[in-house]
Amino acid sequence: MKNTARIVILLFLCISVALYFFPDAFPEKFQPASVFITETVRRVIDWINPEPAPPANSYEVIRAVDGDTILVRIDGEEVFVRLIGIDAPESVHQDFAKNTPEGRIASQQMKEYVTDKQVSLEFDQELQDRYGRTLAYVYVDGELLEDRMLREGLAITLVMEPNIRYQLHFEEIEKNAREQGAGFWGTGFFAEVSSVHQE
């Protein structure tokens, strides 16, 4: 009985793979099944590794705080927004010994990205961190700020569970930046830092 079940499952998987990769090789009556399997696979891929898309909201940026935090006006209030999924070198830490020249560079770049801009915010599972900052994916001109900072080698990925919607996406961008020696990967500053770490 177990062998029969295994054969049926294996046969189903083989047919599904064939319908997905070679839909035109089957008679027309199989096309609905091919479309269903293709859509199902795409939905699974999107669920595992979704592509970022800016939401419709728009907020005024008051200023950049550092390389991973900005101050935004939301409903008339000034709100500190911590970018989800990245960690930039320190530049405004209360312990001055932790602040670095790299932190000042990352902060300056963030300032250039957001000054006089409107941003869109996308939220995940947890809305605030332990410091009371709002946690969000931040879009400028339709692109994630997290992507820009990682691509330029000015930040590394940071696992901020349970907010991990784009974690695989961020890790892929960081991997490319590291291989290309972008930003602080090229200077060696990130050489001793784990590319994925816990907050």
N, C-alpha and C. Protein backbone atom coordinates (compact mmCIF):
# COMPACT_ATOMS: atom_id res chain seq x y z
N MET A 1 0.83 -1.21 0.00
CA MET A 1 0.00 0.00 0.00
C MET A 1 0.86 1.26 0.00
N LYS A 2 1.93 1.23 0.85
CA LYS A 2 2.82 2.39 0.93
C LYS A 2 3.54 2.60 -0.40
N ASN A 3 3.95 1.50 -1.04
CA ASN A 3 4.63 1.61 -2.33
C ASN A 3 3.71 2.20 -3.39
N THR A 4 2.45 1.82 -3.37
CA THR A 4 1.49 2.34 -4.33
C THR A 4 1.30 3.84 -4.14
N ALA A 5 1.19 4.27 -2.88
CA ALA A 5 1.04 5.69 -2.58
C ALA A 5 2.26 6.49 -3.05
N ARG A 6 3.44 5.92 -2.85
CA ARG A 6 4.67 6.60 -3.27
C ARG A 6 4.71 6.74 -4.79
N ILE A 7 4.29 5.69 -5.47
CA ILE A 7 4.29 5.72 -6.94
C ILE A 7 3.31 6.78 -7.45
N VAL A 8 2.13 6.85 -6.82
CA VAL A 8 1.11 7.83 -7.22
C VAL A 8 1.63 9.25 -7.00
N ILE A 9 2.25 9.49 -5.84
CA ILE A 9 2.79 10.82 -5.53
C ILE A 9 3.91 11.19 -6.49
N LEU A 10 4.80 10.24 -6.76
CA LEU A 10 5.91 10.47 -7.69
C LEU A 10 5.39 10.76 -9.09
N LEU A 11 4.37 10.00 -9.52
CA LEU A 11 3.78 10.20 -10.83
C LEU A 11 3.14 11.59 -10.93
N PHE A 12 2.43 11.98 -9.86
CA PHE A 12 1.79 13.30 -9.83
C PHE A 12 2.83 14.42 -9.92
N LEU A 13 3.93 14.27 -9.18
CA LEU A 13 5.00 15.28 -9.22
C LEU A 13 5.62 15.37 -10.60
N CYS A 14 5.87 14.23 -11.22
CA CYS A 14 6.46 14.21 -12.56
C CYS A 14 5.55 14.90 -13.57
N ILE A 15 4.24 14.60 -13.50
CA ILE A 15 3.29 15.23 -14.42
C ILE A 15 3.22 16.73 -14.16
N SER A 16 3.24 17.12 -12.88
CA SER A 16 3.18 18.54 -12.53
C SER A 16 4.39 19.29 -13.06
N VAL A 17 5.56 18.68 -12.92
CA VAL A 17 6.80 19.30 -13.42
C VAL A 17 6.73 19.43 -14.94
N ALA A 18 6.26 18.38 -15.58
CA ALA A 18 6.16 18.41 -17.04
C ALA A 18 5.17 19.48 -17.50
N LEU A 19 4.04 19.59 -16.82
CA LEU A 19 3.04 20.60 -17.17
C LEU A 19 3.57 22.01 -16.93
N TYR A 20 4.41 22.15 -15.91
CA TYR A 20 4.95 23.47 -15.58
C TYR A 20 6.00 23.91 -16.61
N PHE A 21 6.92 23.01 -16.94
CA PHE A 21 8.03 23.38 -17.81
C PHE A 21 7.74 23.20 -19.31
N PHE A 22 6.82 22.27 -19.63
CA PHE A 22 6.54 21.99 -21.05
C PHE A 22 5.03 21.98 -21.31
N PRO A 23 4.33 23.10 -21.02
CA PRO A 23 2.87 23.09 -21.17
C PRO A 23 2.40 22.86 -22.60
N ASP A 24 3.19 23.30 -23.59
CA ASP A 24 2.77 23.15 -24.99
C ASP A 24 2.93 21.73 -25.52
N ALA A 25 3.59 20.89 -24.74
CA ALA A 25 3.81 19.51 -25.19
C ALA A 25 2.60 18.61 -24.96
N PHE A 26 1.60 19.16 -24.24
CA PHE A 26 0.41 18.36 -23.91
C PHE A 26 -0.78 18.83 -24.74
N PRO A 27 -1.76 17.94 -24.93
CA PRO A 27 -2.97 18.32 -25.66
C PRO A 27 -3.66 19.51 -24.98
N GLU A 28 -4.50 20.19 -25.75
CA GLU A 28 -5.15 21.41 -25.27
C GLU A 28 -5.98 21.17 -24.02
N LYS A 29 -6.54 19.99 -23.86
CA LYS A 29 -7.40 19.72 -22.69
C LYS A 29 -6.61 19.74 -21.38
N PHE A 30 -5.27 19.67 -21.48
CA PHE A 30 -4.44 19.71 -20.27
C PHE A 30 -4.03 21.15 -19.90
N GLN A 31 -4.37 22.10 -20.77
CA GLN A 31 -3.94 23.48 -20.52
C GLN A 31 -4.46 24.06 -19.19
N PRO A 32 -5.72 23.83 -18.82
CA PRO A 32 -6.19 24.37 -17.51
C PRO A 32 -5.33 23.85 -16.34
N ALA A 33 -4.96 22.58 -16.41
CA ALA A 33 -4.12 22.02 -15.34
C ALA A 33 -2.75 22.68 -15.35
N SER A 34 -2.21 22.93 -16.54
CA SER A 34 -0.91 23.58 -16.67
C SER A 34 -0.95 24.99 -16.09
N VAL A 35 -2.01 25.74 -16.40
CA VAL A 35 -2.16 27.11 -15.88
C VAL A 35 -2.28 27.07 -14.36
N PHE A 36 -3.07 26.14 -13.84
CA PHE A 36 -3.25 26.02 -12.38
C PHE A 36 -1.92 25.74 -11.70
N ILE A 37 -1.15 24.80 -12.22
CA ILE A 37 0.14 24.43 -11.62
C ILE A 37 1.12 25.61 -11.70
N THR A 38 1.15 26.29 -12.85
CA THR A 38 2.05 27.43 -13.01
C THR A 38 1.73 28.53 -12.00
N GLU A 39 0.44 28.85 -11.86
CA GLU A 39 0.03 29.88 -10.91
C GLU A 39 0.33 29.47 -9.47
N THR A 40 0.12 28.19 -9.17
CA THR A 40 0.39 27.70 -7.81
C THR A 40 1.87 27.81 -7.49
N VAL A 41 2.73 27.42 -8.43
CA VAL A 41 4.18 27.51 -8.21
C VAL A 41 4.59 28.96 -8.02
N ARG A 42 4.04 29.87 -8.84
CA ARG A 42 4.39 31.28 -8.72
C ARG A 42 3.96 31.85 -7.37
N ARG A 43 2.78 31.44 -6.90
CA ARG A 43 2.31 31.92 -5.61
C ARG A 43 3.19 31.42 -4.48
N VAL A 44 3.63 30.17 -4.57
CA VAL A 44 4.53 29.61 -3.55
C VAL A 44 5.85 30.37 -3.54
N ILE A 45 6.40 30.65 -4.75
CA ILE A 45 7.65 31.40 -4.84
C ILE A 45 7.47 32.80 -4.26
N ASP A 46 6.36 33.46 -4.58
CA ASP A 46 6.09 34.81 -4.05
C ASP A 46 5.93 34.78 -2.54
N TRP A 47 5.36 33.69 -2.02
CA TRP A 47 5.18 33.57 -0.57
C TRP A 47 6.53 33.37 0.12
N ILE A 48 7.39 32.55 -0.49
CA ILE A 48 8.71 32.28 0.09
C ILE A 48 9.62 33.48 -0.04
N ASN A 49 9.62 34.11 -1.21
CA ASN A 49 10.53 35.21 -1.49
C ASN A 49 9.79 36.30 -2.27
N PRO A 50 8.94 37.08 -1.59
CA PRO A 50 8.12 38.07 -2.28
C PRO A 50 8.95 39.23 -2.82
N GLU A 51 8.48 39.83 -3.90
CA GLU A 51 9.12 41.01 -4.46
C GLU A 51 8.53 42.26 -3.82
N PRO A 52 9.38 43.17 -3.36
CA PRO A 52 8.86 44.41 -2.74
C PRO A 52 8.05 45.24 -3.73
N ALA A 53 6.98 45.85 -3.23
CA ALA A 53 6.15 46.75 -4.04
C ALA A 53 5.66 47.87 -3.13
N PRO A 54 5.90 49.13 -3.51
CA PRO A 54 5.54 50.24 -2.62
C PRO A 54 4.04 50.36 -2.40
N PRO A 55 3.62 50.58 -1.15
CA PRO A 55 2.20 50.81 -0.87
C PRO A 55 1.79 52.21 -1.30
N ALA A 56 0.50 52.50 -1.21
CA ALA A 56 -0.02 53.78 -1.71
C ALA A 56 0.21 54.95 -0.76
N ASN A 57 0.57 54.68 0.51
CA ASN A 57 0.71 55.79 1.45
C ASN A 57 1.94 56.64 1.13
N SER A 58 1.97 57.87 1.66
CA SER A 58 3.08 58.78 1.42
C SER A 58 3.25 59.68 2.63
N TYR A 59 4.51 59.80 3.10
CA TYR A 59 4.79 60.59 4.29
C TYR A 59 6.00 61.49 4.06
N GLU A 60 5.98 62.64 4.72
CA GLU A 60 7.07 63.60 4.60
C GLU A 60 8.25 63.18 5.49
N VAL A 61 9.44 63.21 4.91
CA VAL A 61 10.64 62.94 5.70
C VAL A 61 11.09 64.25 6.34
N ILE A 62 11.29 64.21 7.65
CA ILE A 62 11.80 65.39 8.37
C ILE A 62 13.32 65.43 8.27
N ARG A 63 13.95 64.28 8.54
CA ARG A 63 15.41 64.21 8.41
C ARG A 63 15.87 62.77 8.54
N ALA A 64 17.10 62.53 8.09
CA ALA A 64 17.75 61.24 8.34
C ALA A 64 18.39 61.29 9.71
N VAL A 65 18.24 60.22 10.48
CA VAL A 65 18.85 60.14 11.80
C VAL A 65 20.23 59.50 11.68
N ASP A 66 20.28 58.36 11.00
CA ASP A 66 21.55 57.68 10.73
C ASP A 66 21.36 56.78 9.51
N GLY A 67 22.20 55.79 9.35
CA GLY A 67 22.13 54.95 8.16
C GLY A 67 20.99 53.96 8.09
N ASP A 68 20.23 53.80 9.18
CA ASP A 68 19.09 52.88 9.14
C ASP A 68 17.86 53.41 9.86
N THR A 69 17.84 54.70 10.17
CA THR A 69 16.70 55.30 10.86
C THR A 69 16.43 56.69 10.29
N ILE A 70 15.14 57.00 10.09
CA ILE A 70 14.76 58.32 9.62
C ILE A 70 13.62 58.86 10.49
N LEU A 71 13.43 60.16 10.45
CA LEU A 71 12.34 60.81 11.17
C LEU A 71 11.30 61.23 10.16
N VAL A 72 10.05 60.77 10.37
CA VAL A 72 8.97 60.96 9.40
C VAL A 72 7.77 61.60 10.08
N ARG A 73 7.03 62.43 9.33
CA ARG A 73 5.81 63.00 9.86
C ARG A 73 4.63 62.12 9.47
N ILE A 74 3.97 61.54 10.47
CA ILE A 74 2.82 60.66 10.25
C ILE A 74 1.63 61.21 11.03
N ASP A 75 0.58 61.58 10.31
CA ASP A 75 -0.63 62.13 10.93
C ASP A 75 -0.29 63.28 11.87
N GLY A 76 0.62 64.14 11.42
CA GLY A 76 0.96 65.33 12.19
C GLY A 76 1.99 65.11 13.30
N GLU A 77 2.41 63.87 13.51
CA GLU A 77 3.38 63.58 14.56
C GLU A 77 4.72 63.18 13.97
N GLU A 78 5.79 63.54 14.69
CA GLU A 78 7.12 63.14 14.27
C GLU A 78 7.41 61.74 14.80
N VAL A 79 7.72 60.82 13.89
CA VAL A 79 7.87 59.41 14.24
C VAL A 79 9.23 58.90 13.75
N PHE A 80 9.98 58.27 14.66
CA PHE A 80 11.24 57.65 14.27
C PHE A 80 10.91 56.31 13.60
N VAL A 81 11.42 56.13 12.38
CA VAL A 81 11.17 54.91 11.61
C VAL A 81 12.48 54.16 11.42
N ARG A 82 12.53 52.94 11.95
CA ARG A 82 13.71 52.08 11.81
C ARG A 82 13.49 51.17 10.62
N LEU A 83 14.40 51.21 9.64
CA LEU A 83 14.29 50.36 8.46
C LEU A 83 14.44 48.89 8.85
N ILE A 84 13.52 48.07 8.39
CA ILE A 84 13.55 46.64 8.69
C ILE A 84 14.59 45.95 7.80
N GLY A 85 15.35 45.04 8.42
CA GLY A 85 16.17 44.12 7.65
C GLY A 85 17.60 44.53 7.38
N ILE A 86 18.00 45.75 7.80
CA ILE A 86 19.39 46.15 7.58
C ILE A 86 19.97 46.76 8.86
N ASP A 87 21.29 46.81 8.89
CA ASP A 87 21.99 47.43 10.01
C ASP A 87 23.18 48.21 9.45
N ALA A 88 23.18 49.52 9.66
CA ALA A 88 24.28 50.37 9.19
C ALA A 88 25.23 50.63 10.36
N PRO A 89 26.48 50.96 10.08
CA PRO A 89 27.43 51.29 11.16
C PRO A 89 26.91 52.46 11.99
N GLU A 90 27.32 52.48 13.24
CA GLU A 90 26.83 53.50 14.18
C GLU A 90 27.41 54.87 13.89
N SER A 91 26.56 55.90 14.10
CA SER A 91 27.04 57.28 13.96
C SER A 91 26.48 58.21 15.04
N VAL A 92 25.38 57.79 15.69
CA VAL A 92 24.77 58.65 16.72
C VAL A 92 24.52 57.86 18.01
N HIS A 93 25.32 56.83 18.25
CA HIS A 93 25.16 56.01 19.45
C HIS A 93 25.52 56.81 20.69
N GLN A 94 24.80 56.56 21.78
CA GLN A 94 25.09 57.27 23.03
C GLN A 94 26.49 56.96 23.54
N ASP A 95 26.97 55.74 23.25
CA ASP A 95 28.34 55.37 23.57
C ASP A 95 29.20 55.82 22.39
N PHE A 96 29.85 56.97 22.53
CA PHE A 96 30.58 57.57 21.42
C PHE A 96 31.65 56.63 20.85
N ALA A 97 32.15 55.71 21.66
CA ALA A 97 33.19 54.78 21.19
C ALA A 97 32.67 53.86 20.09
N LYS A 98 31.34 53.69 20.01
CA LYS A 98 30.75 52.81 19.00
C LYS A 98 30.52 53.52 17.67
N ASN A 99 30.61 54.84 17.66
CA ASN A 99 30.42 55.59 16.42
C ASN A 99 31.68 55.52 15.55
N THR A 100 31.48 55.39 14.26
CA THR A 100 32.60 55.18 13.35
C THR A 100 32.54 56.14 12.16
N PRO A 101 33.67 56.35 11.49
CA PRO A 101 33.64 57.14 10.25
C PRO A 101 32.70 56.52 9.21
N GLU A 102 32.66 55.18 9.17
CA GLU A 102 31.75 54.50 8.24
C GLU A 102 30.29 54.82 8.56
N GLY A 103 30.00 54.93 9.85
CA GLY A 103 28.65 55.30 10.26
C GLY A 103 28.26 56.68 9.76
N ARG A 104 29.20 57.60 9.81
CA ARG A 104 28.94 58.96 9.32
C ARG A 104 28.72 58.96 7.80
N ILE A 105 29.47 58.12 7.10
CA ILE A 105 29.31 58.02 5.64
C ILE A 105 27.92 57.45 5.30
N ALA A 106 27.54 56.38 6.00
CA ALA A 106 26.22 55.76 5.77
C ALA A 106 25.10 56.75 6.10
N SER A 107 25.28 57.49 7.18
CA SER A 107 24.28 58.47 7.58
C SER A 107 24.16 59.58 6.54
N GLN A 108 25.28 60.03 6.01
CA GLN A 108 25.27 61.07 5.00
C GLN A 108 24.58 60.58 3.73
N GLN A 109 24.82 59.32 3.37
CA GLN A 109 24.17 58.78 2.18
C GLN A 109 22.67 58.68 2.38
N MET A 110 22.25 58.25 3.58
CA MET A 110 20.83 58.20 3.88
C MET A 110 20.21 59.60 3.77
N LYS A 111 20.94 60.59 4.26
CA LYS A 111 20.47 61.98 4.17
C LYS A 111 20.26 62.38 2.72
N GLU A 112 21.19 62.01 1.85
CA GLU A 112 21.05 62.35 0.43
C GLU A 112 19.86 61.65 -0.20
N TYR A 113 19.58 60.43 0.25
CA TYR A 113 18.46 59.68 -0.31
C TYR A 113 17.10 60.27 0.08
N VAL A 114 16.97 60.79 1.31
CA VAL A 114 15.64 61.13 1.82
C VAL A 114 15.35 62.61 1.98
N THR A 115 16.37 63.48 1.89
CA THR A 115 16.14 64.91 2.10
C THR A 115 15.15 65.45 1.07
N ASP A 116 14.13 66.16 1.57
CA ASP A 116 13.08 66.76 0.73
C ASP A 116 12.29 65.71 -0.05
N LYS A 117 12.19 64.50 0.49
CA LYS A 117 11.47 63.42 -0.18
C LYS A 117 10.23 63.00 0.60
N GLN A 118 9.33 62.36 -0.11
CA GLN A 118 8.21 61.65 0.49
C GLN A 118 8.56 60.17 0.46
N VAL A 119 8.17 59.45 1.51
CA VAL A 119 8.43 58.02 1.56
C VAL A 119 7.12 57.26 1.74
N SER A 120 7.12 56.02 1.26
CA SER A 120 6.02 55.10 1.52
C SER A 120 6.51 54.07 2.52
N LEU A 121 5.64 53.68 3.43
CA LEU A 121 6.01 52.73 4.48
C LEU A 121 5.19 51.46 4.36
N GLU A 122 5.88 50.33 4.39
CA GLU A 122 5.22 49.02 4.41
C GLU A 122 5.56 48.34 5.73
N PHE A 123 4.54 47.84 6.41
CA PHE A 123 4.74 47.25 7.73
C PHE A 123 4.71 45.74 7.65
N ASP A 124 5.27 45.10 8.68
CA ASP A 124 5.32 43.64 8.74
C ASP A 124 4.56 43.19 9.98
N GLN A 125 5.01 42.15 10.65
CA GLN A 125 4.28 41.60 11.79
C GLN A 125 4.37 42.46 13.05
N GLU A 126 5.56 42.93 13.36
CA GLU A 126 5.78 43.71 14.58
C GLU A 126 5.95 45.17 14.20
N LEU A 127 5.19 46.07 14.81
CA LEU A 127 5.16 47.47 14.40
C LEU A 127 6.19 48.36 15.10
N GLN A 128 6.68 47.94 16.28
CA GLN A 128 7.65 48.76 17.01
C GLN A 128 8.75 47.89 17.59
N ASP A 129 9.94 48.50 17.73
CA ASP A 129 11.03 47.79 18.38
C ASP A 129 11.06 48.16 19.85
N ARG A 130 12.03 47.64 20.58
CA ARG A 130 12.07 47.86 22.04
C ARG A 130 12.39 49.30 22.41
N TYR A 131 12.82 50.09 21.44
CA TYR A 131 13.10 51.51 21.69
C TYR A 131 11.92 52.40 21.33
N GLY A 132 10.82 51.79 20.90
CA GLY A 132 9.63 52.56 20.55
C GLY A 132 9.64 53.11 19.13
N ARG A 133 10.64 52.71 18.33
CA ARG A 133 10.69 53.17 16.94
C ARG A 133 9.72 52.35 16.08
N THR A 134 9.09 52.99 15.12
CA THR A 134 8.23 52.30 14.19
C THR A 134 9.09 51.49 13.22
N LEU A 135 8.73 50.24 13.01
CA LEU A 135 9.48 49.36 12.10
C LEU A 135 8.78 49.31 10.76
N ALA A 136 9.53 49.59 9.68
CA ALA A 136 8.90 49.60 8.36
C ALA A 136 9.92 49.36 7.26
N TYR A 137 9.41 48.87 6.14
CA TYR A 137 10.18 48.86 4.90
C TYR A 137 9.92 50.22 4.27
N VAL A 138 10.97 50.93 3.90
CA VAL A 138 10.83 52.32 3.47
C VAL A 138 11.15 52.46 1.98
N TYR A 139 10.20 53.03 1.24
CA TYR A 139 10.36 53.22 -0.20
C TYR A 139 10.57 54.70 -0.53
N VAL A 140 11.54 54.98 -1.39
CA VAL A 140 11.77 56.31 -1.93
C VAL A 140 11.77 56.18 -3.45
N ASP A 141 10.95 56.99 -4.11
CA ASP A 141 10.85 56.93 -5.57
C ASP A 141 10.57 55.50 -6.05
N GLY A 142 9.75 54.78 -5.29
CA GLY A 142 9.34 53.44 -5.69
C GLY A 142 10.33 52.33 -5.40
N GLU A 143 11.46 52.67 -4.77
CA GLU A 143 12.49 51.66 -4.49
C GLU A 143 12.74 51.59 -2.99
N LEU A 144 13.01 50.37 -2.52
CA LEU A 144 13.31 50.20 -1.10
C LEU A 144 14.65 50.85 -0.74
N LEU A 145 14.63 51.65 0.33
CA LEU A 145 15.87 52.22 0.85
C LEU A 145 16.81 51.12 1.32
N GLU A 146 16.23 50.06 1.88
CA GLU A 146 17.05 48.93 2.32
C GLU A 146 17.87 48.38 1.16
N ASP A 147 17.23 48.25 -0.01
CA ASP A 147 17.94 47.74 -1.19
C ASP A 147 19.12 48.64 -1.54
N ARG A 148 18.89 49.94 -1.53
CA ARG A 148 19.94 50.89 -1.90
C ARG A 148 21.13 50.79 -0.94
N MET A 149 20.84 50.78 0.35
CA MET A 149 21.93 50.74 1.34
C MET A 149 22.72 49.45 1.24
N LEU A 150 22.04 48.33 1.02
CA LEU A 150 22.73 47.05 0.86
C LEU A 150 23.53 47.00 -0.43
N ARG A 151 22.94 47.50 -1.50
CA ARG A 151 23.59 47.46 -2.81
C ARG A 151 24.88 48.28 -2.81
N GLU A 152 24.85 49.41 -2.09
CA GLU A 152 26.02 50.29 -2.03
C GLU A 152 27.06 49.82 -1.01
N GLY A 153 26.76 48.74 -0.30
CA GLY A 153 27.69 48.24 0.70
C GLY A 153 27.81 49.14 1.91
N LEU A 154 26.72 49.85 2.23
CA LEU A 154 26.71 50.77 3.37
C LEU A 154 25.99 50.17 4.57
N ALA A 155 25.43 49.00 4.40
CA ALA A 155 24.72 48.32 5.48
C ALA A 155 24.80 46.82 5.23
N ILE A 156 24.54 46.05 6.28
CA ILE A 156 24.45 44.60 6.16
C ILE A 156 23.05 44.16 6.56
N THR A 157 22.71 42.92 6.22
CA THR A 157 21.39 42.41 6.58
C THR A 157 21.30 42.18 8.08
N LEU A 158 20.10 42.34 8.59
CA LEU A 158 19.82 42.14 10.01
C LEU A 158 18.50 41.41 10.15
N VAL A 159 18.53 40.24 10.76
CA VAL A 159 17.30 39.48 10.99
C VAL A 159 16.53 40.13 12.13
N MET A 160 15.32 40.59 11.83
CA MET A 160 14.50 41.28 12.83
C MET A 160 13.18 40.53 13.00
N GLU A 161 13.27 39.29 13.47
CA GLU A 161 12.07 38.46 13.62
C GLU A 161 11.05 39.16 14.53
N PRO A 162 9.75 39.03 14.21
CA PRO A 162 9.16 38.21 13.14
C PRO A 162 9.06 38.93 11.79
N ASN A 163 9.72 40.09 11.67
CA ASN A 163 9.63 40.87 10.43
C ASN A 163 10.67 40.41 9.41
N ILE A 164 10.36 39.34 8.71
CA ILE A 164 11.34 38.74 7.79
C ILE A 164 10.78 38.56 6.38
N ARG A 165 9.78 39.36 6.02
CA ARG A 165 9.12 39.21 4.72
C ARG A 165 10.10 39.24 3.55
N TYR A 166 11.07 40.14 3.59
CA TYR A 166 12.00 40.30 2.48
C TYR A 166 13.42 39.85 2.83
N GLN A 167 13.55 38.99 3.84
CA GLN A 167 14.88 38.58 4.29
C GLN A 167 15.71 37.93 3.18
N LEU A 168 15.11 37.00 2.45
CA LEU A 168 15.84 36.34 1.37
C LEU A 168 16.22 37.33 0.28
N HIS A 169 15.32 38.24 -0.01
CA HIS A 169 15.57 39.30 -0.99
C HIS A 169 16.77 40.14 -0.58
N PHE A 170 16.82 40.55 0.70
CA PHE A 170 17.92 41.37 1.20
C PHE A 170 19.24 40.60 1.18
N GLU A 171 19.18 39.33 1.56
CA GLU A 171 20.40 38.52 1.60
C GLU A 171 21.02 38.37 0.21
N GLU A 172 20.18 38.28 -0.81
CA GLU A 172 20.69 38.15 -2.18
C GLU A 172 21.39 39.44 -2.62
N ILE A 173 20.81 40.59 -2.27
CA ILE A 173 21.43 41.87 -2.62
C ILE A 173 22.75 42.03 -1.87
N GLU A 174 22.77 41.67 -0.60
CA GLU A 174 24.00 41.77 0.18
C GLU A 174 25.08 40.85 -0.39
N LYS A 175 24.69 39.66 -0.79
CA LYS A 175 25.65 38.70 -1.37
C LYS A 175 26.33 39.30 -2.61
N ASN A 176 25.53 39.93 -3.47
CA ASN A 176 26.08 40.55 -4.67
C ASN A 176 27.02 41.69 -4.31
N ALA A 177 26.64 42.50 -3.33
CA ALA A 177 27.47 43.64 -2.92
C ALA A 177 28.79 43.15 -2.35
N ARG A 178 28.73 42.08 -1.57
CA ARG A 178 29.95 41.52 -0.96
C ARG A 178 30.88 40.97 -2.04
N GLU A 179 30.32 40.26 -3.00
CA GLU A 179 31.13 39.68 -4.07
C GLU A 179 31.77 40.76 -4.95
N GLN A 180 31.08 41.88 -5.09
CA GLN A 180 31.59 42.97 -5.92
C GLN A 180 32.49 43.93 -5.14
N GLY A 181 32.60 43.72 -3.83
CA GLY A 181 33.42 44.60 -3.00
C GLY A 181 32.85 46.00 -2.90
N ALA A 182 31.53 46.12 -2.89
CA ALA A 182 30.89 47.43 -2.83
C ALA A 182 31.06 48.05 -1.45
N GLY A 183 31.21 49.37 -1.42
CA GLY A 183 31.22 50.11 -0.16
C GLY A 183 32.17 49.57 0.88
N PHE A 184 31.64 49.30 2.06
CA PHE A 184 32.46 48.87 3.19
C PHE A 184 32.92 47.42 3.07
N TRP A 185 32.35 46.66 2.11
CA TRP A 185 32.89 45.34 1.83
C TRP A 185 34.27 45.49 1.17
N GLY A 186 34.40 46.50 0.33
CA GLY A 186 35.66 46.72 -0.35
C GLY A 186 36.75 47.28 0.55
N THR A 187 36.35 48.03 1.58
CA THR A 187 37.34 48.61 2.49
C THR A 187 37.78 47.63 3.57
N GLY A 188 37.02 46.53 3.72
CA GLY A 188 37.33 45.56 4.76
C GLY A 188 36.60 45.79 6.06
N PHE A 189 35.83 46.87 6.15
CA PHE A 189 35.12 47.18 7.40
C PHE A 189 34.15 46.07 7.78
N PHE A 190 33.47 45.49 6.78
CA PHE A 190 32.50 44.43 7.05
C PHE A 190 33.13 43.04 7.06
N ALA A 191 34.43 42.95 6.86
CA ALA A 191 35.09 41.65 6.71
C ALA A 191 34.89 40.75 7.91
N GLU A 192 34.90 41.31 9.10
CA GLU A 192 34.77 40.50 10.31
C GLU A 192 33.34 40.42 10.82
N VAL A 193 32.41 41.02 10.08
CA VAL A 193 31.03 41.06 10.52
C VAL A 193 30.24 39.98 9.83
N SER A 194 29.47 39.22 10.58
CA SER A 194 28.61 38.20 9.99
C SER A 194 27.57 38.88 9.12
N SER A 195 27.32 38.34 7.91
CA SER A 195 26.40 38.98 6.98
C SER A 195 24.95 38.91 7.44
N VAL A 196 24.61 37.92 8.25
CA VAL A 196 23.27 37.79 8.79
C VAL A 196 23.39 37.56 10.28
N HIS A 197 22.82 38.48 11.07
CA HIS A 197 22.91 38.34 12.52
C HIS A 197 21.63 38.78 13.17
N GLN A 198 21.48 38.45 14.43
CA GLN A 198 20.25 38.76 15.15
C GLN A 198 20.37 40.13 15.81
N GLU A 199 19.21 40.85 15.85
CA GLU A 199 19.19 42.14 16.51
C GLU A 199 19.33 41.95 18.01
